[in-house]
Each structure stands twice: as structure tokens, then as C-alpha cells.
């Protein structure tokens, strides 16, 4: 899957533009002929490493980079990993005030929807918790 020309980022890495996700699993993601280990924020400002590893770590603070760009967004896709849980109502309310719809589902489903919305040139962001096994 990887070849010598691949670049790898981890932790707080950054790719300067928003692109679709080609693959996920093995605790990371592939996009733009690169691989990234760890969770990922996909924003109008680019692709950013994200420190969140579990749904319990989803807070307004952990989503601040997304919230700061809320005026550029219509939809935020949240990939919860493999654990589905309710999003804190305060997070939903804060984004609703900024007119951003939140969809929180498993990481695989969130990525598929994000890719479709991005291809349709919709104002979408993604906050994806890395998973070991793709589904």
C-alpha cells in the first residue's frame, strides 16, 4: 500500500488544503498520496492532526479549530471511531447557534458522507477519530 514517495504525518501534522479521504484504518488515514497516523480534522484550512482518541474527549475545546471556522461551514461530520455515543448537547447547541449541522456516526460512515459532500462542493468539515480496523 505505501510506496517510497509517500509522505507521512503524525500528531499535529498539517496538509494545506482540504481533500477527500482515500482510506482509513490501522490507526490512521490516507489522503493526497500521504498517510497520517492518529485522528484527523478536515477543515477549509486543510487537513490537521487531532489529539482526540475517544468519543469521550469530544468537547467544545477539542472542537475549537472547527468552531473557529464555523462561518465557513454548513455541516460537520464527526467520526466517533467504533463507539457510538450521544454528543454533548452543549456542543450541538453551540454549533446550531452558528448554523452548522452536526452528524456524529461511526468513523467509516462519517468519512463516506464527508467525501460525498466534499465532492459536491458543500461546506463540510470532518472530525474523525482514528480506528484500527476499517469497516
Protein backbone atom coordinates (compact mmCIF):
# COMPACT_ATOMS: atom_id res chain seq x y z
CA UNK A 1 0.00 0.00 0.00
CA UNK A 2 2.74 2.50 0.89
CA UNK A 3 5.50 3.36 -1.51
CA UNK A 4 8.74 5.32 -1.07
CA UNK A 5 7.33 8.60 -2.34
CA UNK A 6 4.62 8.60 0.34
CA UNK A 7 4.89 11.30 2.95
CA UNK A 8 3.76 10.52 6.46
CA UNK A 9 2.46 12.93 9.06
CA UNK A 10 1.54 12.32 12.67
CA UNK A 11 0.45 14.21 15.76
CA UNK A 12 -0.17 17.84 14.89
CA UNK A 13 0.66 17.46 11.18
CA UNK A 14 -0.93 19.72 8.60
CA UNK A 15 -1.70 19.39 4.89
CA UNK A 16 -2.51 22.84 3.40
CA UNK A 17 -5.81 22.08 1.65
CA UNK A 18 -8.99 20.14 2.28
CA UNK A 19 -9.18 16.87 0.36
CA UNK A 20 -11.14 13.62 0.40
CA UNK A 21 -10.08 10.61 2.46
CA UNK A 22 -8.84 7.69 0.33
CA UNK A 23 -8.60 5.07 3.11
CA UNK A 24 -8.78 4.67 6.86
CA UNK A 25 -7.81 2.05 9.43
CA UNK A 26 -4.55 0.93 11.03
CA UNK A 27 -4.99 3.88 13.42
CA UNK A 28 -4.81 6.46 10.65
CA UNK A 29 -5.89 7.82 7.28
CA UNK A 30 -4.66 8.09 3.69
CA UNK A 31 -5.27 11.20 1.59
CA UNK A 32 -3.41 13.13 -1.13
CA UNK A 33 -0.92 10.25 -1.54
CA UNK A 34 0.07 10.64 2.11
CA UNK A 35 -0.61 8.69 5.26
CA UNK A 36 -1.44 10.18 8.64
CA UNK A 37 -1.32 8.29 11.93
CA UNK A 38 -3.87 9.38 14.51
CA UNK A 39 -7.15 11.25 14.43
CA UNK A 40 -7.81 13.95 11.85
CA UNK A 41 -9.59 17.28 11.37
CA UNK A 42 -10.54 18.08 7.76
CA UNK A 43 -11.17 21.80 7.53
CA UNK A 44 -11.37 24.50 4.86
CA UNK A 45 -7.86 25.48 6.06
CA UNK A 46 -6.54 21.97 5.36
CA UNK A 47 -6.02 18.61 7.00
CA UNK A 48 -4.82 18.76 10.61
CA UNK A 49 -3.70 16.16 13.15
CA UNK A 50 -6.13 15.95 16.07
CA UNK A 51 -5.34 14.68 19.56
CA UNK A 52 -8.80 13.16 20.26
CA UNK A 53 -8.72 9.36 20.52
CA UNK A 54 -12.13 8.56 22.09
CA UNK A 55 -15.66 9.99 21.82
CA UNK A 56 -15.45 10.98 25.49
CA UNK A 57 -12.74 13.51 24.55
CA UNK A 58 -15.15 15.42 22.27
CA UNK A 59 -15.56 18.82 23.88
CA UNK A 60 -16.01 22.37 22.70
CA UNK A 61 -12.29 22.80 23.46
CA UNK A 62 -11.24 19.82 21.32
CA UNK A 63 -13.50 21.07 18.51
CA UNK A 64 -12.31 24.69 18.78
CA UNK A 65 -10.43 24.59 15.43
CA UNK A 66 -13.71 23.61 13.76
CA UNK A 67 -15.79 26.10 15.74
CA UNK A 68 -13.38 28.90 14.78
CA UNK A 69 -14.23 28.23 11.11
CA UNK A 70 -17.96 27.67 11.65
CA UNK A 71 -18.91 30.67 9.50
CA UNK A 72 -17.40 28.77 6.51
CA UNK A 73 -19.34 25.53 7.22
CA UNK A 74 -22.79 24.03 6.77
CA UNK A 75 -22.06 20.51 8.06
CA UNK A 76 -19.61 18.89 10.49
CA UNK A 77 -19.22 15.14 10.11
CA UNK A 78 -17.90 13.57 13.31
CA UNK A 79 -16.43 10.07 13.11
CA UNK A 80 -16.81 8.56 16.57
CA UNK A 81 -14.47 5.62 15.93
CA UNK A 82 -16.24 2.35 16.62
CA UNK A 83 -18.10 3.56 19.73
CA UNK A 84 -21.38 5.31 19.01
CA UNK A 85 -22.48 7.71 21.70
CA UNK A 86 -24.50 10.88 22.09
CA UNK A 87 -22.73 14.19 21.53
CA UNK A 88 -22.77 16.64 24.43
CA UNK A 89 -25.86 18.84 24.00
CA UNK A 90 -23.69 21.95 24.66
CA UNK A 91 -21.61 21.09 21.57
CA UNK A 92 -24.72 20.67 19.44
CA UNK A 93 -26.20 23.93 20.76
CA UNK A 94 -23.00 25.92 20.14
CA UNK A 95 -22.76 24.71 16.54
CA UNK A 96 -26.51 25.16 15.98
CA UNK A 97 -26.14 28.82 17.03
CA UNK A 98 -23.54 29.13 14.24
CA UNK A 99 -25.91 27.31 11.82
CA UNK A 100 -23.71 24.21 11.48
CA UNK A 101 -25.37 20.79 11.34
CA UNK A 102 -23.54 18.02 13.24
CA UNK A 103 -23.76 14.40 12.15
CA UNK A 104 -21.99 12.02 14.55
CA UNK A 105 -21.68 8.40 13.40
CA UNK A 106 -19.01 5.71 13.13
CA UNK A 107 -15.78 6.87 11.50
CA UNK A 108 -16.30 4.85 8.29
CA UNK A 109 -19.82 6.21 7.70
CA UNK A 110 -18.70 9.74 8.56
CA UNK A 111 -15.84 9.56 6.03
CA UNK A 112 -18.08 8.26 3.26
CA UNK A 113 -20.59 11.09 3.80
CA UNK A 114 -17.80 13.69 4.13
CA UNK A 115 -16.29 12.54 0.81
CA UNK A 116 -19.66 12.81 -0.96
CA UNK A 117 -20.38 16.28 0.46
CA UNK A 118 -16.86 17.47 -0.39
CA UNK A 119 -17.22 16.16 -3.96
CA UNK A 120 -20.50 18.11 -4.20
CA UNK A 121 -18.54 21.21 -3.13
CA UNK A 122 -20.60 21.55 0.05
CA UNK A 123 -19.21 23.49 3.01
CA UNK A 124 -18.27 20.44 5.09
CA UNK A 125 -15.70 19.69 7.76
CA UNK A 126 -14.70 16.36 9.27
CA UNK A 127 -13.54 15.41 12.76
CA UNK A 128 -12.51 11.76 12.52
CA UNK A 129 -11.33 9.56 15.38
CA UNK A 130 -8.81 7.04 14.04
CA UNK A 131 -9.76 3.34 14.18
CA UNK A 132 -7.67 0.20 13.93
CA UNK A 133 -9.99 -1.75 11.65
CA UNK A 134 -11.84 -0.29 8.66
CA UNK A 135 -15.46 -1.45 8.25
